C-alpha atoms as a PDB file:
ATOM      1  CA  MET A   1      62.746 113.739  73.548  1.00  0.00           C
ATOM      2  CA  LEU A   2      62.987 112.372  77.113  1.00  0.00           C
ATOM      3  CA  ILE A   3      65.455 109.773  77.888  1.00  0.00           C
ATOM      4  CA  LEU A   4      65.428 108.053  81.410  1.00  0.00           C
ATOM      5  CA  GLY A   5      69.106 107.161  82.309  1.00  0.00           C
ATOM      6  CA  ILE A   6      69.882 104.421  84.875  1.00  0.00           C
ATOM      7  CA  GLU A   7      73.351 104.061  86.529  1.00  0.00           C
ATOM      8  CA  THR A   8      74.210 101.156  89.011  1.00  0.00           C
ATOM      9  CA  SER A   9      77.706 100.220  88.049  1.00  0.00           C
ATOM     10  CA  CYS A  10      79.214 100.569  91.629  1.00  0.00           C
ATOM     11  CA  ASP A  11      78.332 102.296  94.731  1.00  0.00           C
ATOM     12  CA  GLU A  12      75.906 105.029  93.335  1.00  0.00           C
ATOM     13  CA  THR A  13      72.189 104.361  92.527  1.00  0.00           C
ATOM     14  CA  SER A  14      71.298 107.054  90.122  1.00  0.00           C
ATOM     15  CA  ILE A  15      68.390 107.720  87.759  1.00  0.00           C
ATOM     16  CA  ALA A  16      67.928 110.855  85.708  1.00  0.00           C
ATOM     17  CA  VAL A  17      65.622 112.364  83.071  1.00  0.00           C
ATOM     18  CA  VAL A  18      67.268 114.362  80.325  1.00  0.00           C
ATOM     19  CA  SER A  19      65.510 116.219  77.496  1.00  0.00           C
ATOM     20  CA  ASP A  20      67.085 116.302  74.059  1.00  0.00           C
ATOM     21  CA  GLY A  21      70.428 114.803  75.388  1.00  0.00           C
ATOM     22  CA  LYS A  22      71.261 118.211  76.912  1.00  0.00           C
ATOM     23  CA  LYS A  23      68.611 119.590  79.429  1.00  0.00           C
ATOM     24  CA  ILE A  24      68.911 117.768  82.835  1.00  0.00           C
ATOM     25  CA  LEU A  25      65.342 117.659  84.227  1.00  0.00           C
ATOM     26  CA  SER A  26      66.417 115.392  87.243  1.00  0.00           C
ATOM     27  CA  ASN A  27      69.460 113.525  88.298  1.00  0.00           C
ATOM     28  CA  ILE A  28      68.789 111.579  91.556  1.00  0.00           C
ATOM     29  CA  ILE A  29      71.822 109.945  93.216  1.00  0.00           C
ATOM     30  CA  SER A  30      71.824 107.707  96.126  1.00  0.00           C
ATOM     31  CA  SER A  31      75.258 106.657  97.358  1.00  0.00           C
ATOM     32  CA  SER A  32      76.097 103.645  99.643  1.00  0.00           C
ATOM     33  CA  LEU A  33      79.363 105.166 100.308  1.00  0.00           C
ATOM     34  CA  HIS A  34      78.767 105.602 104.077  1.00  0.00           C
ATOM     35  CA  LEU A  35      78.021 101.836 104.411  1.00  0.00           C
ATOM     36  CA  HIS A  36      81.593 101.030 102.842  1.00  0.00           C
ATOM     37  CA  LYS A  37      83.900 103.423 104.962  1.00  0.00           C
ATOM     38  CA  LYS A  38      84.325 101.153 107.822  1.00  0.00           C
ATOM     39  CA  TYR A  39      85.599  98.459 105.348  1.00  0.00           C
ATOM     40  CA  GLY A  40      88.074 100.851 103.703  1.00  0.00           C
ATOM     41  CA  GLY A  41      86.672 100.056 100.210  1.00  0.00           C
ATOM     42  CA  VAL A  42      83.450  99.088  98.208  1.00  0.00           C
ATOM     43  CA  VAL A  43      81.916  95.803  99.321  1.00  0.00           C
ATOM     44  CA  PRO A  44      80.085  94.387  96.242  1.00  0.00           C
ATOM     45  CA  GLU A  45      77.387  92.655  98.397  1.00  0.00           C
ATOM     46  CA  ILE A  46      76.431  95.844 100.413  1.00  0.00           C
ATOM     47  CA  ALA A  47      76.466  97.806  96.947  1.00  0.00           C
ATOM     48  CA  CYS A  48      74.165  95.348  95.421  1.00  0.00           C
ATOM     49  CA  ARG A  49      71.684  95.364  98.402  1.00  0.00           C
ATOM     50  CA  HIS A  50      71.600  99.143  98.246  1.00  0.00           C
ATOM     51  CA  HIS A  51      70.826  99.134  94.583  1.00  0.00           C
ATOM     52  CA  THR A  52      68.086  96.684  95.123  1.00  0.00           C
ATOM     53  CA  GLU A  53      66.438  98.561  98.075  1.00  0.00           C
ATOM     54  CA  LEU A  54      66.674 102.006  96.714  1.00  0.00           C
ATOM     55  CA  ILE A  55      66.322 101.781  92.951  1.00  0.00           C
ATOM     56  CA  ASN A  56      62.465 102.041  92.784  1.00  0.00           C
ATOM     57  CA  ILE A  57      62.660 104.961  95.299  1.00  0.00           C
ATOM     58  CA  VAL A  58      65.317 106.650  93.198  1.00  0.00           C
ATOM     59  CA  LEU A  59      63.136 106.144  90.216  1.00  0.00           C
ATOM     60  CA  ASP A  60      60.086 107.842  91.754  1.00  0.00           C
ATOM     61  CA  LYS A  61      61.964 110.815  92.878  1.00  0.00           C
ATOM     62  CA  ALA A  62      63.635 111.209  89.372  1.00  0.00           C
ATOM     63  CA  LEU A  63      60.180 111.178  87.752  1.00  0.00           C
ATOM     64  CA  LYS A  64      58.614 113.568  90.247  1.00  0.00           C
ATOM     65  CA  LYS A  65      61.512 116.071  90.186  1.00  0.00           C
ATOM     66  CA  ALA A  66      61.441 116.091  86.292  1.00  0.00           C
ATOM     67  CA  GLY A  67      57.722 116.588  86.473  1.00  0.00           C
ATOM     68  CA  VAL A  68      57.112 113.667  84.095  1.00  0.00           C
ATOM     69  CA  ARG A  69      55.295 110.330  84.174  1.00  0.00           C
ATOM     70  CA  LEU A  70      56.550 107.036  83.017  1.00  0.00           C
ATOM     71  CA  LYS A  71      54.389 107.186  79.955  1.00  0.00           C
ATOM     72  CA  ASP A  72      56.198 110.501  78.875  1.00  0.00           C
ATOM     73  CA  ILE A  73      59.583 108.560  78.623  1.00  0.00           C
ATOM     74  CA  GLU A  74      60.666 107.815  75.141  1.00  0.00           C
ATOM     75  CA  ALA A  75      63.642 105.508  75.734  1.00  0.00           C
ATOM     76  CA  ILE A  76      65.590 103.963  78.525  1.00  0.00           C
ATOM     77  CA  ALA A  77      69.374 104.097  78.671  1.00  0.00           C
ATOM     78  CA  VAL A  78      71.198 101.839  81.016  1.00  0.00           C
ATOM     79  CA  THR A  79      74.850 101.300  81.908  1.00  0.00           C
ATOM     80  CA  TYR A  80      75.763  97.449  81.136  1.00  0.00           C
ATOM     81  CA  GLY A  81      79.531  97.699  82.008  1.00  0.00           C
ATOM     82  CA  PRO A  82      82.045  98.035  83.148  1.00  0.00           C
ATOM     83  CA  GLY A  83      81.390  97.668  86.966  1.00  0.00           C
ATOM     84  CA  LEU A  84      80.262  95.231  89.584  1.00  0.00           C
ATOM     85  CA  VAL A  85      78.186  92.413  87.907  1.00  0.00           C
ATOM     86  CA  GLY A  86      75.689  92.309  90.690  1.00  0.00           C
ATOM     87  CA  ALA A  87      75.187  96.089  90.733  1.00  0.00           C
ATOM     88  CA  LEU A  88      75.005  96.394  86.970  1.00  0.00           C
ATOM     89  CA  LEU A  89      72.339  93.688  86.726  1.00  0.00           C
ATOM     90  CA  VAL A  90      70.047  95.531  89.207  1.00  0.00           C
ATOM     91  CA  GLY A  91      69.850  98.436  86.897  1.00  0.00           C
ATOM     92  CA  ILE A  92      69.674  96.420  83.680  1.00  0.00           C
ATOM     93  CA  SER A  93      66.818  94.469  85.121  1.00  0.00           C
ATOM     94  CA  LEU A  94      64.812  97.500  85.830  1.00  0.00           C
ATOM     95  CA  ALA A  95      65.681  99.012  82.376  1.00  0.00           C
ATOM     96  CA  LYS A  96      64.507  95.827  80.689  1.00  0.00           C
ATOM     97  CA  ALA A  97      61.229  95.869  82.802  1.00  0.00           C
ATOM     98  CA  LEU A  98      60.621  99.399  81.765  1.00  0.00           C
ATOM     99  CA  SER A  99      61.339  98.996  78.239  1.00  0.00           C
ATOM    100  CA  TYR A 100      59.019  96.005  77.894  1.00  0.00           C
ATOM    101  CA  ALA A 101      56.063  97.471  79.754  1.00  0.00           C
ATOM    102  CA  LEU A 102      56.391 100.898  78.046  1.00  0.00           C
ATOM    103  CA  LYS A 103      57.199  99.318  74.599  1.00  0.00           C
ATOM    104  CA  ILE A 104      60.048 101.773  74.112  1.00  0.00           C
ATOM    105  CA  PRO A 105      63.712 101.237  72.995  1.00  0.00           C
ATOM    106  CA  LEU A 106      66.302  99.882  75.326  1.00  0.00           C
ATOM    107  CA  ILE A 107      69.759 101.644  74.796  1.00  0.00           C
ATOM    108  CA  PRO A 108      72.906  99.968  76.262  1.00  0.00           C
ATOM    109  CA  ILE A 109      75.597 102.313  77.640  1.00  0.00           C
ATOM    110  CA  ASN A 110      79.336 101.989  78.261  1.00  0.00           C
ATOM    111  CA  HIS A 111      79.985 103.583  81.527  1.00  0.00           C
ATOM    112  CA  LEU A 112      83.459 104.812  80.437  1.00  0.00           C
ATOM    113  CA  HIS A 113      81.885 106.435  77.220  1.00  0.00           C
ATOM    114  CA  ALA A 114      79.403 108.200  79.464  1.00  0.00           C
ATOM    115  CA  HIS A 115      81.986 109.597  81.819  1.00  0.00           C
ATOM    116  CA  LEU A 116      83.674 111.293  78.679  1.00  0.00           C
ATOM    117  CA  TYR A 117      80.299 112.438  77.373  1.00  0.00           C
ATOM    118  CA  SER A 118      79.511 114.167  80.735  1.00  0.00           C
ATOM    119  CA  ALA A 119      82.204 116.678  80.015  1.00  0.00           C
ATOM    120  CA  ILE A 120      80.668 117.640  76.662  1.00  0.00           C
ATOM    121  CA  MET A 121      77.034 117.573  77.479  1.00  0.00           C
ATOM    122  CA  SER A 122      76.897 121.354  77.980  1.00  0.00           C
ATOM    123  CA  SER A 123      79.039 122.251  75.057  1.00  0.00           C
ATOM    124  CA  GLU A 124      77.279 123.874  72.159  1.00  0.00           C
ATOM    125  CA  LYS A 125      80.293 123.451  69.710  1.00  0.00           C
ATOM    126  CA  GLU A 126      81.573 120.501  67.983  1.00  0.00           C
ATOM    127  CA  VAL A 127      84.438 118.957  70.057  1.00  0.00           C
ATOM    128  CA  PHE A 128      85.341 116.011  67.890  1.00  0.00           C
ATOM    129  CA  PRO A 129      88.081 114.846  67.173  1.00  0.00           C
ATOM    130  CA  CYS A 130      89.688 115.140  70.705  1.00  0.00           C
ATOM    131  CA  ILE A 131      91.569 113.382  73.355  1.00  0.00           C
ATOM    132  CA  GLY A 132      89.610 111.846  76.279  1.00  0.00           C
ATOM    133  CA  LEU A 133      90.937 111.117  79.882  1.00  0.00           C
ATOM    134  CA  VAL A 134      89.100 109.065  82.310  1.00  0.00           C
ATOM    135  CA  VAL A 135      90.302 109.111  85.880  1.00  0.00           C
ATOM    136  CA  SER A 136      88.312 107.415  88.623  1.00  0.00           C
ATOM    137  CA  GLY A 137      88.534 104.794  91.421  1.00  0.00           C
ATOM    138  CA  GLY A 138      88.434 102.017  88.916  1.00  0.00           C
ATOM    139  CA  HIS A 139      89.898 103.346  85.567  1.00  0.00           C
ATOM    140  CA  SER A 140      92.792 105.555  84.321  1.00  0.00           C
ATOM    141  CA  SER A 141      92.572 105.667  80.435  1.00  0.00           C
ATOM    142  CA  LEU A 142      93.595 107.983  77.593  1.00  0.00           C
ATOM    143  CA  VAL A 143      91.705 107.662  74.321  1.00  0.00           C
ATOM    144  CA  TYR A 144      91.235 109.355  70.994  1.00  0.00           C
ATOM    145  CA  ILE A 145      87.776 110.271  70.328  1.00  0.00           C
ATOM    146  CA  LYS A 146      86.901 110.604  66.385  1.00  0.00           C
ATOM    147  CA  ASP A 147      83.207 110.373  67.155  1.00  0.00           C
ATOM    148  CA  ILE A 148      81.113 109.263  70.108  1.00  0.00           C
ATOM    149  CA  GLU A 149      81.109 105.897  68.591  1.00  0.00           C
ATOM    150  CA  GLN A 150      84.841 105.826  67.391  1.00  0.00           C
ATOM    151  CA  ILE A 151      87.001 105.841  70.381  1.00  0.00           C
ATOM    152  CA  GLN A 152      90.471 104.529  70.196  1.00  0.00           C
ATOM    153  CA  LEU A 153      92.162 103.384  73.459  1.00  0.00           C
ATOM    154  CA  LEU A 154      95.744 104.875  73.549  1.00  0.00           C
ATOM    155  CA  GLY A 155      96.787 103.900  76.972  1.00  0.00           C
ATOM    156  CA  GLN A 156      95.449 102.727  80.458  1.00  0.00           C
ATOM    157  CA  THR A 157      96.829 101.922  83.787  1.00  0.00           C
ATOM    158  CA  ARG A 158      98.820  98.541  84.003  1.00  0.00           C
ATOM    159  CA  ASP A 159      97.963  98.230  87.789  1.00  0.00           C
ATOM    160  CA  ASP A 160      96.228 100.572  90.223  1.00  0.00           C
ATOM    161  CA  ALA A 161      93.826 103.173  88.819  1.00  0.00           C
ATOM    162  CA  CYS A 162      94.359 106.723  89.959  1.00  0.00           C
ATOM    163  CA  GLY A 163      91.563 106.830  92.493  1.00  0.00           C
ATOM    164  CA  GLU A 164      92.509 103.333  93.613  1.00  0.00           C
ATOM    165  CA  ALA A 165      95.978 104.652  94.407  1.00  0.00           C
ATOM    166  CA  PHE A 166      94.616 107.673  96.454  1.00  0.00           C
ATOM    167  CA  ASP A 167      92.438 105.166  98.442  1.00  0.00           C
ATOM    168  CA  LYS A 168      95.357 102.967  99.258  1.00  0.00           C
ATOM    169  CA  VAL A 169      97.722 105.978 100.144  1.00  0.00           C
ATOM    170  CA  ALA A 170      94.877 107.234 102.424  1.00  0.00           C
ATOM    171  CA  LYS A 171      94.715 103.907 104.124  1.00  0.00           C
ATOM    172  CA  ILE A 172      98.391 103.855 104.789  1.00  0.00           C
ATOM    173  CA  LEU A 173      98.147 107.222 106.329  1.00  0.00           C
ATOM    174  CA  ASN A 174      94.994 106.188 108.479  1.00  0.00           C
ATOM    175  CA  LEU A 175      92.874 109.060 106.676  1.00  0.00           C
ATOM    176  CA  GLY A 176      89.811 106.845 105.883  1.00  0.00           C
ATOM    177  CA  PHE A 177      87.880 105.959 102.899  1.00  0.00           C
ATOM    178  CA  PRO A 178      87.542 107.345 100.177  1.00  0.00           C
ATOM    179  CA  GLY A 179      91.003 108.800  99.737  1.00  0.00           C
ATOM    180  CA  GLY A 180      90.675 111.296  97.007  1.00  0.00           C
ATOM    181  CA  PRO A 181      88.682 114.109  98.911  1.00  0.00           C
ATOM    182  CA  VAL A 182      90.760 113.670 102.182  1.00  0.00           C
ATOM    183  CA  ILE A 183      94.167 113.788 100.401  1.00  0.00           C
ATOM    184  CA  GLU A 184      93.160 116.730  98.371  1.00  0.00           C
ATOM    185  CA  LYS A 185      92.089 118.667 101.486  1.00  0.00           C
ATOM    186  CA  ARG A 186      95.295 117.654 103.485  1.00  0.00           C
ATOM    187  CA  SER A 187      97.391 118.629 100.455  1.00  0.00           C
ATOM    188  CA  GLU A 188      96.235 122.259 100.942  1.00  0.00           C
ATOM    189  CA  ARG A 189      98.362 122.452 103.974  1.00  0.00           C
ATOM    190  CA  GLY A 190     101.326 120.601 102.682  1.00  0.00           C
ATOM    191  CA  ASP A 191     104.424 121.341 100.692  1.00  0.00           C
ATOM    192  CA  PRO A 192     104.211 119.391  97.173  1.00  0.00           C
ATOM    193  CA  LYS A 193     108.001 119.766  96.644  1.00  0.00           C
ATOM    194  CA  SER A 194     109.022 118.383 100.143  1.00  0.00           C
ATOM    195  CA  ILE A 195     109.293 114.732  99.229  1.00  0.00           C
ATOM    196  CA  LYS A 196     110.544 113.424  96.067  1.00  0.00           C
ATOM    197  CA  PHE A 197     108.183 110.477  95.398  1.00  0.00           C
ATOM    198  CA  PRO A 198     108.984 108.397  92.087  1.00  0.00           C
ATOM    199  CA  ARG A 199     107.363 108.957  88.795  1.00  0.00           C
ATOM    200  CA  SER A 200     106.846 106.157  86.578  1.00  0.00           C
ATOM    201  CA  TYR A 201     106.678 106.712  82.716  1.00  0.00           C
ATOM    202  CA  LEU A 202     107.257 103.307  81.550  1.00  0.00           C
ATOM    203  CA  GLU A 203     108.490 102.698  77.991  1.00  0.00           C
ATOM    204  CA  LYS A 204     109.187 105.591  75.584  1.00  0.00           C
ATOM    205  CA  ASP A 205     106.209 106.413  73.519  1.00  0.00           C
ATOM    206  CA  SER A 206     103.913 104.482  75.897  1.00  0.00           C
ATOM    207  CA  PHE A 207     100.584 106.182  76.939  1.00  0.00           C
ATOM    208  CA  ASP A 208     100.098 103.604  79.787  1.00  0.00           C
ATOM    209  CA  PHE A 209     100.105 104.460  83.436  1.00  0.00           C
ATOM    210  CA  SER A 210     101.672 102.787  86.391  1.00  0.00           C
ATOM    211  CA  PHE A 211     100.639 103.942  90.024  1.00  0.00           C
ATOM    212  CA  SER A 212     101.487 100.986  92.178  1.00  0.00           C
ATOM    213  CA  GLY A 213     105.113 102.082  92.573  1.00  0.00           C
ATOM    214  CA  ILE A 214     104.361 105.481  94.175  1.00  0.00           C
ATOM    215  CA  LYS A 215     101.814 103.819  96.546  1.00  0.00           C
ATOM    216  CA  THR A 216     104.673 101.477  97.730  1.00  0.00           C
ATOM    217  CA  ALA A 217     107.190 104.509  97.956  1.00  0.00           C
ATOM    218  CA  VAL A 218     104.729 106.275 100.267  1.00  0.00           C
ATOM    219  CA  LEU A 219     104.171 103.012 102.341  1.00  0.00           C
ATOM    220  CA  TYR A 220     108.063 102.752 102.770  1.00  0.00           C
ATOM    221  CA  TYR A 221     108.436 106.300 103.578  1.00  0.00           C
ATOM    222  CA  ALA A 222     105.903 106.302 106.361  1.00  0.00           C
ATOM    223  CA  GLN A 223     107.156 102.940 107.713  1.00  0.00           C
ATOM    224  CA  ALA A 224     110.718 104.329 107.921  1.00  0.00           C
ATOM    225  CA  LEU A 225     109.558 107.452 109.795  1.00  0.00           C
ATOM    226  CA  LYS A 226     107.670 105.373 112.241  1.00  0.00           C
ATOM    227  CA  LYS A 227     110.468 102.847 112.838  1.00  0.00           C
ATOM    228  CA  ASN A 228     112.752 105.843 113.578  1.00  0.00           C
ATOM    229  CA  LYS A 229     110.063 107.251 115.818  1.00  0.00           C
ATOM    230  CA  LYS A 230     109.901 110.525 113.710  1.00  0.00           C
ATOM    231  CA  ARG A 231     106.833 112.577 113.110  1.00  0.00           C
ATOM    232  CA  VAL A 232     104.878 111.593 109.975  1.00  0.00           C
ATOM    233  CA  PRO A 233     104.310 114.843 108.104  1.00  0.00           C
ATOM    234  CA  VAL A 234     100.781 113.782 106.686  1.00  0.00           C
ATOM    235  CA  ALA A 235     100.116 117.052 104.810  1.00  0.00           C
ATOM    236  CA  ASP A 236     103.583 117.095 103.039  1.00  0.00           C
ATOM    237  CA  ILE A 237     103.074 113.462 102.193  1.00  0.00           C
ATOM    238  CA  CYS A 238      99.570 113.931 100.752  1.00  0.00           C
ATOM    239  CA  ALA A 239     100.789 117.122  98.763  1.00  0.00           C
ATOM    240  CA  SER A 240     103.912 115.355  97.333  1.00  0.00           C
ATOM    241  CA  PHE A 241     102.035 112.087  96.500  1.00  0.00           C
ATOM    242  CA  GLN A 242      99.368 114.218  94.724  1.00  0.00           C
ATOM    243  CA  GLU A 243     101.838 116.183  92.793  1.00  0.00           C
ATOM    244  CA  ALA A 244     103.720 112.996  91.604  1.00  0.00           C
ATOM    245  CA  MET A 245     100.366 111.507  90.572  1.00  0.00           C
ATOM    246  CA  PHE A 246      99.271 114.485  88.681  1.00  0.00           C
ATOM    247  CA  ASP A 247     102.749 114.900  87.089  1.00  0.00           C
ATOM    248  CA  MET A 248     102.323 111.404  85.501  1.00  0.00           C
ATOM    249  CA  LEU A 249      98.711 112.043  84.355  1.00  0.00           C
ATOM    250  CA  LEU A 250      99.786 115.531  82.823  1.00  0.00           C
ATOM    251  CA  ASN A 251     102.783 114.089  81.162  1.00  0.00           C
ATOM    252  CA  LYS A 252     100.960 111.424  79.319  1.00  0.00           C
ATOM    253  CA  THR A 253      97.970 113.654  78.567  1.00  0.00           C
ATOM    254  CA  LYS A 254     100.232 116.370  77.063  1.00  0.00           C
ATOM    255  CA  ASP A 255     101.987 113.732  74.911  1.00  0.00           C
ATOM    256  CA  CYS A 256      98.669 112.341  73.578  1.00  0.00           C
ATOM    257  CA  CYS A 257      97.324 115.734  72.763  1.00  0.00           C
ATOM    258  CA  VAL A 258     100.615 116.741  70.903  1.00  0.00           C
ATOM    259  CA  LYS A 259     100.891 113.392  69.157  1.00  0.00           C
ATOM    260  CA  LYS A 260      97.246 113.584  67.751  1.00  0.00           C
ATOM    261  CA  LYS A 261      97.339 117.262  67.142  1.00  0.00           C
ATOM    262  CA  ALA A 262      94.283 117.593  69.311  1.00  0.00           C
ATOM    263  CA  LYS A 263      92.728 121.003  70.192  1.00  0.00           C
ATOM    264  CA  ARG A 264      90.357 119.694  72.670  1.00  0.00           C
ATOM    265  CA  LEU A 265      90.592 117.411  75.784  1.00  0.00           C
ATOM    266  CA  VAL A 266      87.459 116.161  77.604  1.00  0.00           C
ATOM    267  CA  VAL A 267      88.048 114.743  81.142  1.00  0.00           C
ATOM    268  CA  GLY A 268      85.615 112.554  83.200  1.00  0.00           C
ATOM    269  CA  GLY A 269      85.675 110.392  86.374  1.00  0.00           C
ATOM    270  CA  GLY A 270      85.516 111.111  90.011  1.00  0.00           C
ATOM    271  CA  VAL A 271      89.266 112.086  90.196  1.00  0.00           C
ATOM    272  CA  SER A 272      88.406 114.964  87.874  1.00  0.00           C
ATOM    273  CA  ALA A 273      86.582 116.673  90.940  1.00  0.00           C
ATOM    274  CA  ASN A 274      90.129 117.491  92.165  1.00  0.00           C
ATOM    275  CA  LYS A 275      90.573 121.194  91.642  1.00  0.00           C
ATOM    276  CA  THR A 276      94.447 120.880  91.495  1.00  0.00           C
ATOM    277  CA  LEU A 277      94.062 118.492  88.690  1.00  0.00           C
ATOM    278  CA  ARG A 278      91.655 120.620  86.794  1.00  0.00           C
ATOM    279  CA  ASP A 279      93.716 123.609  87.283  1.00  0.00           C
ATOM    280  CA  ARG A 280      96.884 121.922  85.928  1.00  0.00           C
ATOM    281  CA  LEU A 281      95.072 120.366  82.803  1.00  0.00           C
ATOM    282  CA  VAL A 282      93.687 123.806  82.061  1.00  0.00           C
ATOM    283  CA  GLU A 283      97.188 125.383  82.335  1.00  0.00           C
ATOM    284  CA  MET A 284      98.759 122.601  80.342  1.00  0.00           C
ATOM    285  CA  GLY A 285      95.912 123.189  77.645  1.00  0.00           C
ATOM    286  CA  ARG A 286      96.850 126.896  77.603  1.00  0.00           C
ATOM    287  CA  LYS A 287     100.486 126.217  76.973  1.00  0.00           C
ATOM    288  CA  GLU A 288      99.639 123.557  74.254  1.00  0.00           C
ATOM    289  CA  ASP A 289      96.639 125.471  72.752  1.00  0.00           C
ATOM    290  CA  VAL A 290      94.223 122.686  73.875  1.00  0.00           C
ATOM    291  CA  LYS A 291      90.881 123.555  75.347  1.00  0.00           C
ATOM    292  CA  ALA A 292      90.075 121.254  78.395  1.00  0.00           C
ATOM    293  CA  SER A 293      86.461 120.432  79.254  1.00  0.00           C
ATOM    294  CA  PHE A 294      85.068 118.901  82.509  1.00  0.00           C
ATOM    295  CA  PRO A 295      81.766 117.797  83.730  1.00  0.00           C
ATOM    296  CA  ILE A 296      79.599 120.073  85.820  1.00  0.00           C
ATOM    297  CA  LYS A 297      79.987 119.554  89.481  1.00  0.00           C
ATOM    298  CA  GLU A 298      76.828 117.420  89.829  1.00  0.00           C
ATOM    299  CA  MET A 299      78.247 114.902  87.344  1.00  0.00           C
ATOM    300  CA  TYR A 300      81.805 114.231  88.550  1.00  0.00           C
ATOM    301  CA  MET A 301      80.674 111.119  90.272  1.00  0.00           C
ATOM    302  CA  ASP A 302      78.696 108.237  88.682  1.00  0.00           C
ATOM    303  CA  ASN A 303      75.201 109.549  87.680  1.00  0.00           C
ATOM    304  CA  GLY A 304      72.226 108.772  85.551  1.00  0.00           C
ATOM    305  CA  ALA A 305      72.340 112.099  83.536  1.00  0.00           C
ATOM    306  CA  MET A 306      75.356 111.087  81.659  1.00  0.00           C
ATOM    307  CA  VAL A 307      73.808 107.868  80.938  1.00  0.00           C
ATOM    308  CA  ALA A 308      70.761 109.548  79.664  1.00  0.00           C
ATOM    309  CA  GLY A 309      72.714 112.184  77.704  1.00  0.00           C
ATOM    310  CA  LEU A 310      74.682 109.634  75.753  1.00  0.00           C
ATOM    311  CA  GLY A 311      71.551 107.517  75.334  1.00  0.00           C
ATOM    312  CA  PHE A 312      70.097 110.436  73.357  1.00  0.00           C
ATOM    313  CA  GLU A 313      72.930 110.329  70.891  1.00  0.00           C
ATOM    314  CA  LEU A 314      72.767 106.592  70.641  1.00  0.00           C
ATOM    315  CA  TYR A 315      68.958 106.792  70.077  1.00  0.00           C
ATOM    316  CA  ASN A 316      69.471 108.802  67.034  1.00  0.00           C
ATOM    317  CA  ARG A 317      71.769 106.241  65.639  1.00  0.00           C
ATOM    318  CA  LYS A 318      69.276 103.451  66.592  1.00  0.00           C
ATOM    319  CA  ARG A 319      71.843 101.684  68.748  1.00  0.00           C
ATOM    320  CA  PHE A 320      69.247  99.624  70.572  1.00  0.00           C
ATOM    321  CA  ALA A 321      69.569  96.486  72.489  1.00  0.00           C
ATOM    322  CA  ASP A 322      67.233  93.554  72.871  1.00  0.00           C
ATOM    323  CA  TYR A 323      66.126  91.770  76.084  1.00  0.00           C
ATOM    324  CA  THR A 324      69.127  89.479  76.110  1.00  0.00           C
ATOM    325  CA  LEU A 325      71.199  92.442  77.251  1.00  0.00           C
ATOM    326  CA  SER A 326      73.499  91.396  80.173  1.00  0.00           C
ATOM    327  CA  ALA A 327      76.258  92.876  82.327  1.00  0.00           C
ATOM    328  CA  GLU A 328      79.624  92.892  81.045  1.00  0.00           C
ATOM    329  CA  PRO A 329      81.750  93.823  84.208  1.00  0.00           C
ATOM    330  CA  ASN A 330      85.039  93.855  82.342  1.00  0.00           C
ATOM    331  CA  LEU A 331      83.863  96.027  79.413  1.00  0.00           C
ATOM    332  CA  ASN A 332      86.536  98.400  78.146  1.00  0.00           C
ATOM    333  CA  PHE A 333      86.498 100.942  75.381  1.00  0.00           C
END
């Protein structure tokens, strides 16, 4: 069963071919990130133009690498939200055209569900029910997954997403964009206990996150040092900021696992590429008897393989869309 997965929710143009929901035959990703760096964030117009210019090239490469032809594809899975509306529409338009021309099913995919599915694609064992954690540049959410179609939102950020906070702190420290990789690298040379940045846990029993306060604390800390003409210890700030961010993530995630008596945790999204976060989640799981699962390295970022993989599961349940399918930029769980 060959599924073609199309992902264009933000700044990655990706198309993949996946066999039987597990075997990745190709997963081509073309990122426009280099075009956004000088602006300090993703510019929607630039992202949309990149998708439009590259999507047919990415499609050709995905088919060639998989060693298949379009007529071999049995269904088209496409992300329809959340994301940038223009970017989503580029992928949806291609998916509709292919579905119509090939007379094969069109499968609508929730981008957040796909990120969670990416962490279990390689698993041979039953993982449900479990707790899911999505941490990316646009989302920070905790969910209870009873089944791939039964996902209950338990908590989410009330302000900045986790990756967004990393980007903003990197901008404060003049480290460039995106912030996640550079802060992780600088943190390796810093002392995570050197600066006591605040942790926000909100109301008792709340599984929501709030990351805007710590971002502001970093800003005020750096400004105070500059005002007094003192050296700004960038590595220590990065390490202490990262430590505080992950303390908040770990605290809420552990509480969710305990409350739901979950024995599995699946983690998806770009921030899950951070080794310190993965190590801490694994250690938390060891203490709480919870097995943590993460995507393979090639699937941390937005990618078509996770879309095609989830598409296979939904194909078996006949969750098809018609040609009125449109983008839902604010789609949640």
